[in-house]
Amino acid sequence: MDFSQFNDAERNHLQRVMEQKQMKDFLKLYSGLVERCFTDCVNDFTSKALTTKEEGCVQKCADKFLKHSERVGQRFAEANAEMMGGNK
């Protein structure tokens, strides 16, 4: 996006808004990861500590979730680059 038509104050405001949006998106992703992996992996509430099985499940769940998110981000970037290249 071209911000050259905005003055410095407007650009700074837009930058702050974009940073807030990115933080909100990150927190949403993180919360989704925690909820998903907790729901799928944690079954024993008789102890404060996770069992070895639960720990392994959480690790695999988090790895899979993050790899999936990375792949989706890569595909989005590729599609965006294609769209930007197609507009020239």
PDB file of N, CA and C in Angstrom:
ATOM      1  N   MET A   1       0.841  -1.169   0.000  1.00  0.00           N
ATOM      2  CA  MET A   1       0.000   0.000   0.000  1.00  0.00           C
ATOM      3  C   MET A   1       0.886   1.232   0.000  1.00  0.00           C
ATOM      4  N   ASP A   2       0.514   2.204  -0.795  1.00  0.00           N
ATOM      5  CA  ASP A   2       1.281   3.440  -0.921  1.00  0.00           C
ATOM      6  C   ASP A   2       0.742   4.484   0.054  1.00  0.00           C
ATOM      7  N   PHE A   3       1.593   4.892   0.984  1.00  0.00           N
ATOM      8  CA  PHE A   3       1.185   5.879   1.983  1.00  0.00           C
ATOM      9  C   PHE A   3       1.719   7.270   1.653  1.00  0.00           C
ATOM     10  N   SER A   4       2.256   7.454   0.456  1.00  0.00           N
ATOM     11  CA  SER A   4       2.909   8.723   0.122  1.00  0.00           C
ATOM     12  C   SER A   4       1.949   9.909   0.092  1.00  0.00           C
ATOM     13  N   GLN A   5       0.655   9.652  -0.101  1.00  0.00           N
ATOM     14  CA  GLN A   5      -0.290  10.771  -0.158  1.00  0.00           C
ATOM     15  C   GLN A   5      -0.666  11.281   1.241  1.00  0.00           C
ATOM     16  N   PHE A   6      -0.216  10.577   2.298  1.00  0.00           N
ATOM     17  CA  PHE A   6      -0.532  10.975   3.668  1.00  0.00           C
ATOM     18  C   PHE A   6       0.603  11.780   4.276  1.00  0.00           C
ATOM     19  N   ASN A   7       0.252  12.670   5.209  1.00  0.00           N
ATOM     20  CA  ASN A   7       1.296  13.412   5.909  1.00  0.00           C
ATOM     21  C   ASN A   7       1.904  12.520   6.993  1.00  0.00           C
ATOM     22  N   ASP A   8       2.937  13.018   7.665  1.00  0.00           N
ATOM     23  CA  ASP A   8       3.650  12.210   8.657  1.00  0.00           C
ATOM     24  C   ASP A   8       2.739  11.733   9.789  1.00  0.00           C
ATOM     25  N   ALA A   9       1.896  12.618  10.287  1.00  0.00           N
ATOM     26  CA  ALA A   9       0.998  12.245  11.383  1.00  0.00           C
ATOM     27  C   ALA A   9       0.047  11.136  10.944  1.00  0.00           C
ATOM     28  N   GLU A  10      -0.484  11.245   9.746  1.00  0.00           N
ATOM     29  CA  GLU A  10      -1.398  10.218   9.228  1.00  0.00           C
ATOM     30  C   GLU A  10      -0.670   8.888   9.024  1.00  0.00           C
ATOM     31  N   ARG A  11       0.548   8.953   8.486  1.00  0.00           N
ATOM     32  CA  ARG A  11       1.344   7.732   8.293  1.00  0.00           C
ATOM     33  C   ARG A  11       1.648   7.070   9.630  1.00  0.00           C
ATOM     34  N   ASN A  12       2.011   7.870  10.633  1.00  0.00           N
ATOM     35  CA  ASN A  12       2.292   7.324  11.968  1.00  0.00           C
ATOM     36  C   ASN A  12       1.044   6.671  12.555  1.00  0.00           C
ATOM     37  N   HIS A  13      -0.107   7.318  12.379  1.00  0.00           N
ATOM     38  CA  HIS A  13      -1.363   6.753  12.879  1.00  0.00           C
ATOM     39  C   HIS A  13      -1.659   5.425  12.175  1.00  0.00           C
ATOM     40  N   LEU A  14      -1.532   5.397  10.866  1.00  0.00           N
ATOM     41  CA  LEU A  14      -1.775   4.170  10.111  1.00  0.00           C
ATOM     42  C   LEU A  14      -0.807   3.064  10.536  1.00  0.00           C
ATOM     43  N   GLN A  15       0.430   3.432  10.781  1.00  0.00           N
ATOM     44  CA  GLN A  15       1.428   2.464  11.234  1.00  0.00           C
ATOM     45  C   GLN A  15       1.016   1.861  12.567  1.00  0.00           C
ATOM     46  N   ARG A  16       0.566   2.716  13.507  1.00  0.00           N
ATOM     47  CA  ARG A  16       0.123   2.228  14.814  1.00  0.00           C
ATOM     48  C   ARG A  16      -1.094   1.310  14.678  1.00  0.00           C
ATOM     49  N   VAL A  17      -2.028   1.689  13.814  1.00  0.00           N
ATOM     50  CA  VAL A  17      -3.223   0.868  13.598  1.00  0.00           C
ATOM     51  C   VAL A  17      -2.827  -0.494  13.029  1.00  0.00           C
ATOM     52  N   MET A  18      -1.917  -0.502  12.080  1.00  0.00           N
ATOM     53  CA  MET A  18      -1.464  -1.763  11.482  1.00  0.00           C
ATOM     54  C   MET A  18      -0.743  -2.626  12.513  1.00  0.00           C
ATOM     55  N   GLU A  19       0.084  -2.018  13.356  1.00  0.00           N
ATOM     56  CA  GLU A  19       0.780  -2.770  14.400  1.00  0.00           C
ATOM     57  C   GLU A  19      -0.210  -3.357  15.402  1.00  0.00           C
ATOM     58  N   GLN A  20      -1.235  -2.596  15.758  1.00  0.00           N
ATOM     59  CA  GLN A  20      -2.264  -3.107  16.670  1.00  0.00           C
ATOM     60  C   GLN A  20      -3.015  -4.272  16.046  1.00  0.00           C
ATOM     61  N   LYS A  21      -3.312  -4.164  14.763  1.00  0.00           N
ATOM     62  CA  LYS A  21      -4.003  -5.244  14.044  1.00  0.00           C
ATOM     63  C   LYS A  21      -3.135  -6.493  14.021  1.00  0.00           C
ATOM     64  N   GLN A  22      -1.847  -6.328  13.745  1.00  0.00           N
ATOM     65  CA  GLN A  22      -0.935  -7.465  13.728  1.00  0.00           C
ATOM     66  C   GLN A  22      -0.856  -8.121  15.106  1.00  0.00           C
ATOM     67  N   MET A  23      -0.817  -7.325  16.168  1.00  0.00           N
ATOM     68  CA  MET A  23      -0.763  -7.878  17.521  1.00  0.00           C
ATOM     69  C   MET A  23      -2.056  -8.622  17.823  1.00  0.00           C
ATOM     70  N   LYS A  24      -3.171  -8.044  17.445  1.00  0.00           N
ATOM     71  CA  LYS A  24      -4.463  -8.702  17.665  1.00  0.00           C
ATOM     72  C   LYS A  24      -4.520 -10.034  16.917  1.00  0.00           C
ATOM     73  N   ASP A  25      -4.055 -10.039  15.668  1.00  0.00           N
ATOM     74  CA  ASP A  25      -4.028 -11.272  14.882  1.00  0.00           C
ATOM     75  C   ASP A  25      -3.111 -12.310  15.513  1.00  0.00           C
ATOM     76  N   PHE A  26      -1.949 -11.877  15.999  1.00  0.00           N
ATOM     77  CA  PHE A  26      -1.018 -12.794  16.656  1.00  0.00           C
ATOM     78  C   PHE A  26      -1.647 -13.401  17.905  1.00  0.00           C
ATOM     79  N   LEU A  27      -2.280 -12.562  18.717  1.00  0.00           N
ATOM     80  CA  LEU A  27      -2.907 -13.063  19.946  1.00  0.00           C
ATOM     81  C   LEU A  27      -4.047 -14.023  19.628  1.00  0.00           C
ATOM     82  N   LYS A  28      -4.776 -13.745  18.571  1.00  0.00           N
ATOM     83  CA  LYS A  28      -5.857 -14.647  18.148  1.00  0.00           C
ATOM     84  C   LYS A  28      -5.280 -15.997  17.721  1.00  0.00           C
ATOM     85  N   LEU A  29      -4.195 -15.971  16.958  1.00  0.00           N
ATOM     86  CA  LEU A  29      -3.526 -17.196  16.538  1.00  0.00           C
ATOM     87  C   LEU A  29      -3.016 -17.973  17.749  1.00  0.00           C
ATOM     88  N   TYR A  30      -2.353 -17.276  18.668  1.00  0.00           N
ATOM     89  CA  TYR A  30      -1.809 -17.915  19.864  1.00  0.00           C
ATOM     90  C   TYR A  30      -2.926 -18.511  20.720  1.00  0.00           C
ATOM     91  N   SER A  31      -3.994 -17.756  20.914  1.00  0.00           N
ATOM     92  CA  SER A  31      -5.121 -18.252  21.719  1.00  0.00           C
ATOM     93  C   SER A  31      -5.750 -19.484  21.067  1.00  0.00           C
ATOM     94  N   GLY A  32      -5.861 -19.463  19.757  1.00  0.00           N
ATOM     95  CA  GLY A  32      -6.393 -20.617  19.039  1.00  0.00           C
ATOM     96  C   GLY A  32      -5.511 -21.839  19.215  1.00  0.00           C
ATOM     97  N   LEU A  33      -4.206 -21.625  19.160  1.00  0.00           N
ATOM     98  CA  LEU A  33      -3.248 -22.715  19.359  1.00  0.00           C
ATOM     99  C   LEU A  33      -3.389 -23.305  20.754  1.00  0.00           C
ATOM    100  N   VAL A  34      -3.413 -22.449  21.764  1.00  0.00           N
ATOM    101  CA  VAL A  34      -3.516 -22.915  23.151  1.00  0.00           C
ATOM    102  C   VAL A  34      -4.822 -23.679  23.352  1.00  0.00           C
ATOM    103  N   GLU A  35      -5.923 -23.112  22.901  1.00  0.00           N
ATOM    104  CA  GLU A  35      -7.220 -23.761  23.091  1.00  0.00           C
ATOM    105  C   GLU A  35      -7.280 -25.105  22.377  1.00  0.00           C
ATOM    106  N   ARG A  36      -6.820 -25.127  21.135  1.00  0.00           N
ATOM    107  CA  ARG A  36      -6.876 -26.354  20.343  1.00  0.00           C
ATOM    108  C   ARG A  36      -6.034 -27.456  20.971  1.00  0.00           C
ATOM    109  N   CYS A  37      -4.795 -27.142  21.305  1.00  0.00           N
ATOM    110  CA  CYS A  37      -3.896 -28.161  21.836  1.00  0.00           C
ATOM    111  C   CYS A  37      -4.312 -28.588  23.244  1.00  0.00           C
ATOM    112  N   PHE A  38      -4.784 -27.655  24.058  1.00  0.00           N
ATOM    113  CA  PHE A  38      -5.253 -28.021  25.395  1.00  0.00           C
ATOM    114  C   PHE A  38      -6.441 -28.969  25.284  1.00  0.00           C
ATOM    115  N   THR A  39      -7.405 -28.606  24.460  1.00  0.00           N
ATOM    116  CA  THR A  39      -8.611 -29.423  24.299  1.00  0.00           C
ATOM    117  C   THR A  39      -8.277 -30.813  23.772  1.00  0.00           C
ATOM    118  N   ASP A  40      -7.365 -30.880  22.812  1.00  0.00           N
ATOM    119  CA  ASP A  40      -7.020 -32.162  22.199  1.00  0.00           C
ATOM    120  C   ASP A  40      -6.116 -33.030  23.067  1.00  0.00           C
ATOM    121  N   CYS A  41      -5.295 -32.407  23.913  1.00  0.00           N
ATOM    122  CA  CYS A  41      -4.223 -33.164  24.575  1.00  0.00           C
ATOM    123  C   CYS A  41      -4.363 -33.356  26.077  1.00  0.00           C
ATOM    124  N   VAL A  42      -4.983 -32.437  26.760  1.00  0.00           N
ATOM    125  CA  VAL A  42      -5.007 -32.504  28.216  1.00  0.00           C
ATOM    126  C   VAL A  42      -6.294 -33.185  28.678  1.00  0.00           C
ATOM    127  N   ASN A  43      -6.115 -34.339  29.328  1.00  0.00           N
ATOM    128  CA  ASN A  43      -7.260 -35.143  29.749  1.00  0.00           C
ATOM    129  C   ASN A  43      -7.254 -35.473  31.229  1.00  0.00           C
ATOM    130  N   ASP A  44      -6.091 -35.387  31.859  1.00  0.00           N
ATOM    131  CA  ASP A  44      -5.953 -35.802  33.254  1.00  0.00           C
ATOM    132  C   ASP A  44      -5.836 -34.569  34.141  1.00  0.00           C
ATOM    133  N   PHE A  45      -6.861 -34.338  34.951  1.00  0.00           N
ATOM    134  CA  PHE A  45      -6.869 -33.165  35.817  1.00  0.00           C
ATOM    135  C   PHE A  45      -6.605 -33.522  37.284  1.00  0.00           C
ATOM    136  N   THR A  46      -6.007 -34.690  37.503  1.00  0.00           N
ATOM    137  CA  THR A  46      -5.703 -35.113  38.870  1.00  0.00           C
ATOM    138  C   THR A  46      -4.371 -34.563  39.364  1.00  0.00           C
ATOM    139  N   SER A  47      -3.626 -33.908  38.478  1.00  0.00           N
ATOM    140  CA  SER A  47      -2.316 -33.363  38.832  1.00  0.00           C
ATOM    141  C   SER A  47      -2.143 -32.009  38.165  1.00  0.00           C
ATOM    142  N   LYS A  48      -1.310 -31.145  38.785  1.00  0.00           N
ATOM    143  CA  LYS A  48      -1.016 -29.846  38.182  1.00  0.00           C
ATOM    144  C   LYS A  48      -0.113 -30.000  36.960  1.00  0.00           C
ATOM    145  N   ALA A  49       0.719 -31.025  36.967  1.00  0.00           N
ATOM    146  CA  ALA A  49       1.698 -31.235  35.900  1.00  0.00           C
ATOM    147  C   ALA A  49       1.082 -32.048  34.759  1.00  0.00           C
ATOM    148  N   LEU A  50       1.592 -31.795  33.559  1.00  0.00           N
ATOM    149  CA  LEU A  50       1.174 -32.600  32.407  1.00  0.00           C
ATOM    150  C   LEU A  50       1.829 -33.970  32.478  1.00  0.00           C
ATOM    151  N   THR A  51       1.141 -34.976  31.998  1.00  0.00           N
ATOM    152  CA  THR A  51       1.762 -36.296  31.886  1.00  0.00           C
ATOM    153  C   THR A  51       2.723 -36.266  30.706  1.00  0.00           C
ATOM    154  N   THR A  52       3.582 -37.247  30.629  1.00  0.00           N
ATOM    155  CA  THR A  52       4.518 -37.344  29.506  1.00  0.00           C
ATOM    156  C   THR A  52       3.753 -37.435  28.188  1.00  0.00           C
ATOM    157  N   LYS A  53       2.686 -38.202  28.193  1.00  0.00           N
ATOM    158  CA  LYS A  53       1.854 -38.345  26.986  1.00  0.00           C
ATOM    159  C   LYS A  53       1.236 -37.006  26.597  1.00  0.00           C
ATOM    160  N   GLU A  54       0.728 -36.267  27.568  1.00  0.00           N
ATOM    161  CA  GLU A  54       0.131 -34.959  27.289  1.00  0.00           C
ATOM    162  C   GLU A  54       1.177 -33.982  26.772  1.00  0.00           C
ATOM    163  N   GLU A  55       2.355 -33.981  27.374  1.00  0.00           N
ATOM    164  CA  GLU A  55       3.431 -33.094  26.921  1.00  0.00           C
ATOM    165  C   GLU A  55       3.798 -33.375  25.471  1.00  0.00           C
ATOM    166  N   GLY A  56       3.934 -34.659  25.135  1.00  0.00           N
ATOM    167  CA  GLY A  56       4.260 -35.039  23.758  1.00  0.00           C
ATOM    168  C   GLY A  56       3.165 -34.609  22.790  1.00  0.00           C
ATOM    169  N   CYS A  57       1.917 -34.800  23.201  1.00  0.00           N
ATOM    170  CA  CYS A  57       0.782 -34.409  22.371  1.00  0.00           C
ATOM    171  C   CYS A  57       0.771 -32.900  22.134  1.00  0.00           C
ATOM    172  N   VAL A  58       0.985 -32.112  23.200  1.00  0.00           N
ATOM    173  CA  VAL A  58       0.999 -30.656  23.081  1.00  0.00           C
ATOM    174  C   VAL A  58       2.121 -30.215  22.146  1.00  0.00           C
ATOM    175  N   GLN A  59       3.296 -30.825  22.274  1.00  0.00           N
ATOM    176  CA  GLN A  59       4.431 -30.469  21.415  1.00  0.00           C
ATOM    177  C   GLN A  59       4.106 -30.751  19.951  1.00  0.00           C
ATOM    178  N   LYS A  60       3.568 -31.929  19.681  1.00  0.00           N
ATOM    179  CA  LYS A  60       3.214 -32.281  18.299  1.00  0.00           C
ATOM    180  C   LYS A  60       2.112 -31.378  17.764  1.00  0.00           C
ATOM    181  N   CYS A  61       1.128 -31.101  18.606  1.00  0.00           N
ATOM    182  CA  CYS A  61       0.023 -30.237  18.216  1.00  0.00           C
ATOM    183  C   CYS A  61       0.528 -28.832  17.862  1.00  0.00           C
ATOM    184  N   ALA A  62       1.365 -28.274  18.726  1.00  0.00           N
ATOM    185  CA  ALA A  62       1.896 -26.930  18.488  1.00  0.00           C
ATOM    186  C   ALA A  62       2.752 -26.899  17.224  1.00  0.00           C
ATOM    187  N   ASP A  63       3.607 -27.894  17.055  1.00  0.00           N
ATOM    188  CA  ASP A  63       4.444 -27.958  15.850  1.00  0.00           C
ATOM    189  C   ASP A  63       3.589 -28.008  14.590  1.00  0.00           C
ATOM    190  N   LYS A  64       2.575 -28.861  14.608  1.00  0.00           N
ATOM    191  CA  LYS A  64       1.710 -29.008  13.442  1.00  0.00           C
ATOM    192  C   LYS A  64       0.940 -27.719  13.165  1.00  0.00           C
ATOM    193  N   PHE A  65       0.421 -27.103  14.204  1.00  0.00           N
ATOM    194  CA  PHE A  65      -0.329 -25.860  14.068  1.00  0.00           C
ATOM    195  C   PHE A  65       0.542 -24.762  13.479  1.00  0.00           C
ATOM    196  N   LEU A  66       1.766 -24.622  14.008  1.00  0.00           N
ATOM    197  CA  LEU A  66       2.663 -23.574  13.536  1.00  0.00           C
ATOM    198  C   LEU A  66       3.141 -23.829  12.107  1.00  0.00           C
ATOM    199  N   LYS A  67       3.410 -25.095  11.766  1.00  0.00           N
ATOM    200  CA  LYS A  67       3.806 -25.416  10.392  1.00  0.00           C
ATOM    201  C   LYS A  67       2.664 -25.122   9.422  1.00  0.00           C
ATOM    202  N   HIS A  68       1.444 -25.443   9.852  1.00  0.00           N
ATOM    203  CA  HIS A  68       0.282 -25.151   9.017  1.00  0.00           C
ATOM    204  C   HIS A  68       0.145 -23.634   8.812  1.00  0.00           C
ATOM    205  N   SER A  69       0.274 -22.867   9.881  1.00  0.00           N
ATOM    206  CA  SER A  69       0.159 -21.414   9.786  1.00  0.00           C
ATOM    207  C   SER A  69       1.246 -20.838   8.883  1.00  0.00           C
ATOM    208  N   GLU A  70       2.445 -21.384   8.991  1.00  0.00           N
ATOM    209  CA  GLU A  70       3.551 -20.930   8.146  1.00  0.00           C
ATOM    210  C   GLU A  70       3.256 -21.227   6.676  1.00  0.00           C
ATOM    211  N   ARG A  71       2.743 -22.418   6.416  1.00  0.00           N
ATOM    212  CA  ARG A  71       2.431 -22.797   5.034  1.00  0.00           C
ATOM    213  C   ARG A  71       1.330 -21.917   4.457  1.00  0.00           C
ATOM    214  N   VAL A  72       0.302 -21.652   5.246  1.00  0.00           N
ATOM    215  CA  VAL A  72      -0.782 -20.776   4.787  1.00  0.00           C
ATOM    216  C   VAL A  72      -0.223 -19.382   4.494  1.00  0.00           C
ATOM    217  N   GLY A  73       0.652 -18.885   5.375  1.00  0.00           N
ATOM    218  CA  GLY A  73       1.280 -17.581   5.153  1.00  0.00           C
ATOM    219  C   GLY A  73       2.102 -17.546   3.879  1.00  0.00           C
ATOM    220  N   GLN A  74       2.827 -18.632   3.598  1.00  0.00           N
ATOM    221  CA  GLN A  74       3.620 -18.702   2.377  1.00  0.00           C
ATOM    222  C   GLN A  74       2.718 -18.683   1.144  1.00  0.00           C
ATOM    223  N   ARG A  75       1.645 -19.455   1.201  1.00  0.00           N
ATOM    224  CA  ARG A  75       0.711 -19.504   0.064  1.00  0.00           C
ATOM    225  C   ARG A  75       0.053 -18.148  -0.155  1.00  0.00           C
ATOM    226  N   PHE A  76      -0.286 -17.475   0.941  1.00  0.00           N
ATOM    227  CA  PHE A  76      -0.878 -16.151   0.849  1.00  0.00           C
ATOM    228  C   PHE A  76       0.110 -15.185   0.202  1.00  0.00           C
ATOM    229  N   ALA A  77       1.375 -15.240   0.627  1.00  0.00           N
ATOM    230  CA  ALA A  77       2.408 -14.369   0.064  1.00  0.00           C
ATOM    231  C   ALA A  77       2.597 -14.650  -1.426  1.00  0.00           C
ATOM    232  N   GLU A  78       2.588 -15.937  -1.801  1.00  0.00           N
ATOM    233  CA  GLU A  78       2.720 -16.293  -3.219  1.00  0.00           C
ATOM    234  C   GLU A  78       1.540 -15.769  -4.030  1.00  0.00           C
ATOM    235  N   ALA A  79       0.335 -15.935  -3.507  1.00  0.00           N
ATOM    236  CA  ALA A  79      -0.855 -15.455  -4.213  1.00  0.00           C
ATOM    237  C   ALA A  79      -0.833 -13.937  -4.319  1.00  0.00           C
ATOM    238  N   ASN A  80      -0.404 -13.273  -3.256  1.00  0.00           N
ATOM    239  CA  ASN A  80      -0.309 -11.810  -3.269  1.00  0.00           C
ATOM    240  C   ASN A  80       0.718 -11.350  -4.292  1.00  0.00           C
ATOM    241  N   ALA A  81       1.868 -12.021  -4.341  1.00  0.00           N
ATOM    242  CA  ALA A  81       2.911 -11.660  -5.305  1.00  0.00           C
ATOM    243  C   ALA A  81       2.415 -11.866  -6.738  1.00  0.00           C
ATOM    244  N   GLU A  82       1.657 -12.947  -6.937  1.00  0.00           N
ATOM    245  CA  GLU A  82       1.083 -13.214  -8.255  1.00  0.00           C
ATOM    246  C   GLU A  82       0.105 -12.107  -8.659  1.00  0.00           C
ATOM    247  N   MET A  83      -0.739 -11.723  -7.710  1.00  0.00           N
ATOM    248  CA  MET A  83      -1.712 -10.656  -7.990  1.00  0.00           C
ATOM    249  C   MET A  83      -1.004  -9.333  -8.288  1.00  0.00           C
ATOM    250  N   MET A  84       0.018  -9.027  -7.519  1.00  0.00           N
ATOM    251  CA  MET A  84       0.747  -7.777  -7.718  1.00  0.00           C
ATOM    252  C   MET A  84       1.503  -7.798  -9.042  1.00  0.00           C
ATOM    253  N   GLY A  85       2.041  -8.945  -9.392  1.00  0.00           N
ATOM    254  CA  GLY A  85       2.741  -9.090 -10.673  1.00  0.00           C
ATOM    255  C   GLY A  85       1.791  -9.053 -11.844  1.00  0.00           C
ATOM    256  N   GLY A  86       0.582  -9.552 -11.653  1.00  0.00           N
ATOM    257  CA  GLY A  86      -0.414  -9.562 -12.717  1.00  0.00           C
ATOM    258  C   GLY A  86      -1.018  -8.210 -12.990  1.00  0.00           C
ATOM    259  N   ASN A  87      -0.860  -7.275 -12.043  1.00  0.00           N
ATOM    260  CA  ASN A  87      -1.439  -5.941 -12.224  1.00  0.00           C
ATOM    261  C   ASN A  87      -0.534  -4.997 -12.994  1.00  0.00           C
ATOM    262  N   LYS A  88       0.666  -5.437 -13.284  1.00  0.00           N
ATOM    263  CA  LYS A  88       1.620  -4.533 -13.964  1.00  0.00           C
ATOM    264  C   LYS A  88       1.397  -4.507 -15.450  1.00  0.00           C
TER     265      LYS A  88
END
